[in-house]
Amino acid sequence: MFVEILTDQKKDTFIRRDAAFGLGRLQDTASVDIIISVAEREGRSSELNIRPYLEALSLMGGDKAKQYVQKFENSKEQTVRKLVRELLDKW
């Protein structure tokens, strides 16, 4: 259910973000690629939009999720850099 919501671009952005958090809380590591794909799409307009997806990935753990989060250590957005530092410190 969460995957369907997350990939449905007609759904409200905040509902899709909640679906990503749901997958993160379930530690559904099979969904890492989907979350990354949605984060990439939503981050095109602003890196600020990827924050919820980075948090969801951090809940899942794993190497691929961590590598994606690490990509934003030098984000142009201070808020994103701060979040990434916090997430990686807890990893």
C-alpha atoms as a PDB file:
ATOM      1  CA  MET A   1       0.000   0.000   0.000  1.00  0.00           C
ATOM      2  CA  PHE A   2       2.734   2.490   0.930  1.00  0.00           C
ATOM      3  CA  VAL A   3       4.601   1.793  -2.312  1.00  0.00           C
ATOM      4  CA  GLU A   4       1.486   2.446  -4.386  1.00  0.00           C
ATOM      5  CA  ILE A   5       0.906   5.753  -2.624  1.00  0.00           C
ATOM      6  CA  LEU A   6       4.550   6.768  -2.892  1.00  0.00           C
ATOM      7  CA  THR A   7       4.716   6.176  -6.628  1.00  0.00           C
ATOM      8  CA  ASP A   8       1.347   7.751  -7.465  1.00  0.00           C
ATOM      9  CA  GLN A   9       2.222  11.266  -8.630  1.00  0.00           C
ATOM     10  CA  LYS A  10      -1.438  12.242  -8.424  1.00  0.00           C
ATOM     11  CA  LYS A  11      -1.345  11.824  -4.642  1.00  0.00           C
ATOM     12  CA  ASP A  12      -0.663  14.820  -2.452  1.00  0.00           C
ATOM     13  CA  THR A  13       3.040  15.404  -1.800  1.00  0.00           C
ATOM     14  CA  PHE A  14       2.572  15.173   1.954  1.00  0.00           C
ATOM     15  CA  ILE A  15       0.736  11.866   1.669  1.00  0.00           C
ATOM     16  CA  ARG A  16       3.602  10.483  -0.438  1.00  0.00           C
ATOM     17  CA  ARG A  17       6.065  11.677   2.205  1.00  0.00           C
ATOM     18  CA  ASP A  18       4.038   9.928   4.891  1.00  0.00           C
ATOM     19  CA  ALA A  19       4.141   6.756   2.801  1.00  0.00           C
ATOM     20  CA  ALA A  20       7.943   7.023   2.645  1.00  0.00           C
ATOM     21  CA  PHE A  21       8.065   7.369   6.435  1.00  0.00           C
ATOM     22  CA  GLY A  22       5.818   4.331   6.729  1.00  0.00           C
ATOM     23  CA  LEU A  23       8.196   2.282   4.614  1.00  0.00           C
ATOM     24  CA  GLY A  24      11.104   3.581   6.674  1.00  0.00           C
ATOM     25  CA  ARG A  25       9.447   2.634   9.944  1.00  0.00           C
ATOM     26  CA  LEU A  26       8.727  -0.815   8.553  1.00  0.00           C
ATOM     27  CA  GLN A  27      12.379  -1.005   7.498  1.00  0.00           C
ATOM     28  CA  ASP A  28      11.231  -2.142   4.081  1.00  0.00           C
ATOM     29  CA  THR A  29      14.672  -2.235   2.481  1.00  0.00           C
ATOM     30  CA  ALA A  30      13.144  -3.494  -0.764  1.00  0.00           C
ATOM     31  CA  SER A  31      11.751   0.028  -1.180  1.00  0.00           C
ATOM     32  CA  VAL A  32      15.076   1.873  -1.012  1.00  0.00           C
ATOM     33  CA  ASP A  33      15.277   2.307  -4.797  1.00  0.00           C
ATOM     34  CA  ILE A  34      11.725   3.600  -4.979  1.00  0.00           C
ATOM     35  CA  ILE A  35      12.321   6.151  -2.234  1.00  0.00           C
ATOM     36  CA  ILE A  36      15.526   7.297  -3.917  1.00  0.00           C
ATOM     37  CA  SER A  37      13.706   7.659  -7.228  1.00  0.00           C
ATOM     38  CA  VAL A  38      10.936   9.758  -5.662  1.00  0.00           C
ATOM     39  CA  ALA A  39      13.501  11.849  -3.772  1.00  0.00           C
ATOM     40  CA  GLU A  40      15.344  12.550  -7.011  1.00  0.00           C
ATOM     41  CA  ARG A  41      12.135  13.627  -8.717  1.00  0.00           C
ATOM     42  CA  GLU A  42      11.006  15.865  -5.861  1.00  0.00           C
ATOM     43  CA  GLY A  43      14.481  17.282  -5.337  1.00  0.00           C
ATOM     44  CA  ARG A  44      14.673  18.705  -8.850  1.00  0.00           C
ATOM     45  CA  SER A  45      12.988  21.926  -7.797  1.00  0.00           C
ATOM     46  CA  SER A  46      14.749  22.180  -4.422  1.00  0.00           C
ATOM     47  CA  GLU A  47      16.931  19.926  -2.299  1.00  0.00           C
ATOM     48  CA  LEU A  48      14.776  20.948   0.641  1.00  0.00           C
ATOM     49  CA  ASN A  49      12.091  18.654  -0.752  1.00  0.00           C
ATOM     50  CA  ILE A  50      14.197  15.549  -0.192  1.00  0.00           C
ATOM     51  CA  ARG A  51      14.480  15.858   3.584  1.00  0.00           C
ATOM     52  CA  PRO A  52      11.604  13.486   4.431  1.00  0.00           C
ATOM     53  CA  TYR A  53      12.998  10.890   2.059  1.00  0.00           C
ATOM     54  CA  LEU A  54      16.451  11.102   3.623  1.00  0.00           C
ATOM     55  CA  GLU A  55      14.856  10.562   7.016  1.00  0.00           C
ATOM     56  CA  ALA A  56      12.905   7.556   5.724  1.00  0.00           C
ATOM     57  CA  LEU A  57      16.084   6.053   4.275  1.00  0.00           C
ATOM     58  CA  SER A  58      17.879   6.535   7.579  1.00  0.00           C
ATOM     59  CA  LEU A  59      15.166   4.537   9.329  1.00  0.00           C
ATOM     60  CA  MET A  60      15.809   1.663   6.927  1.00  0.00           C
ATOM     61  CA  GLY A  61      19.554   1.618   7.265  1.00  0.00           C
ATOM     62  CA  GLY A  62      21.721  -0.318   4.857  1.00  0.00           C
ATOM     63  CA  ASP A  63      24.608   0.608   2.621  1.00  0.00           C
ATOM     64  CA  LYS A  64      22.656   1.850  -0.394  1.00  0.00           C
ATOM     65  CA  ALA A  65      20.454   4.110   1.722  1.00  0.00           C
ATOM     66  CA  LYS A  66      23.488   5.469   3.556  1.00  0.00           C
ATOM     67  CA  GLN A  67      25.366   6.156   0.314  1.00  0.00           C
ATOM     68  CA  TYR A  68      22.423   8.135  -0.995  1.00  0.00           C
ATOM     69  CA  VAL A  69      22.133  10.167   2.197  1.00  0.00           C
ATOM     70  CA  GLN A  70      25.880  10.854   2.101  1.00  0.00           C
ATOM     71  CA  LYS A  71      25.498  12.440  -1.338  1.00  0.00           C
ATOM     72  CA  PHE A  72      23.950  15.439   0.403  1.00  0.00           C
ATOM     73  CA  GLU A  73      26.705  16.085   2.956  1.00  0.00           C
ATOM     74  CA  ASN A  74      27.754  19.090   0.859  1.00  0.00           C
ATOM     75  CA  SER A  75      24.294  20.242  -0.149  1.00  0.00           C
ATOM     76  CA  LYS A  76      23.907  23.890  -1.036  1.00  0.00           C
ATOM     77  CA  GLU A  77      21.050  23.960   1.477  1.00  0.00           C
ATOM     78  CA  GLN A  78      22.250  24.393   5.060  1.00  0.00           C
ATOM     79  CA  THR A  79      19.129  22.690   6.429  1.00  0.00           C
ATOM     80  CA  VAL A  80      19.840  19.597   4.342  1.00  0.00           C
ATOM     81  CA  ARG A  81      23.517  19.511   5.372  1.00  0.00           C
ATOM     82  CA  LYS A  82      22.519  19.727   9.039  1.00  0.00           C
ATOM     83  CA  LEU A  83      19.943  16.951   8.687  1.00  0.00           C
ATOM     84  CA  VAL A  84      22.429  14.711   6.885  1.00  0.00           C
ATOM     85  CA  ARG A  85      25.007  15.202   9.651  1.00  0.00           C
ATOM     86  CA  GLU A  86      22.394  14.284  12.266  1.00  0.00           C
ATOM     87  CA  LEU A  87      21.244  11.223  10.353  1.00  0.00           C
ATOM     88  CA  LEU A  88      24.753   9.960   9.706  1.00  0.00           C
ATOM     89  CA  ASP A  89      25.745  10.486  13.345  1.00  0.00           C
ATOM     90  CA  LYS A  90      22.889   8.161  14.354  1.00  0.00           C
ATOM     91  CA  TRP A  91      23.620   5.590  11.654  1.00  0.00           C
END
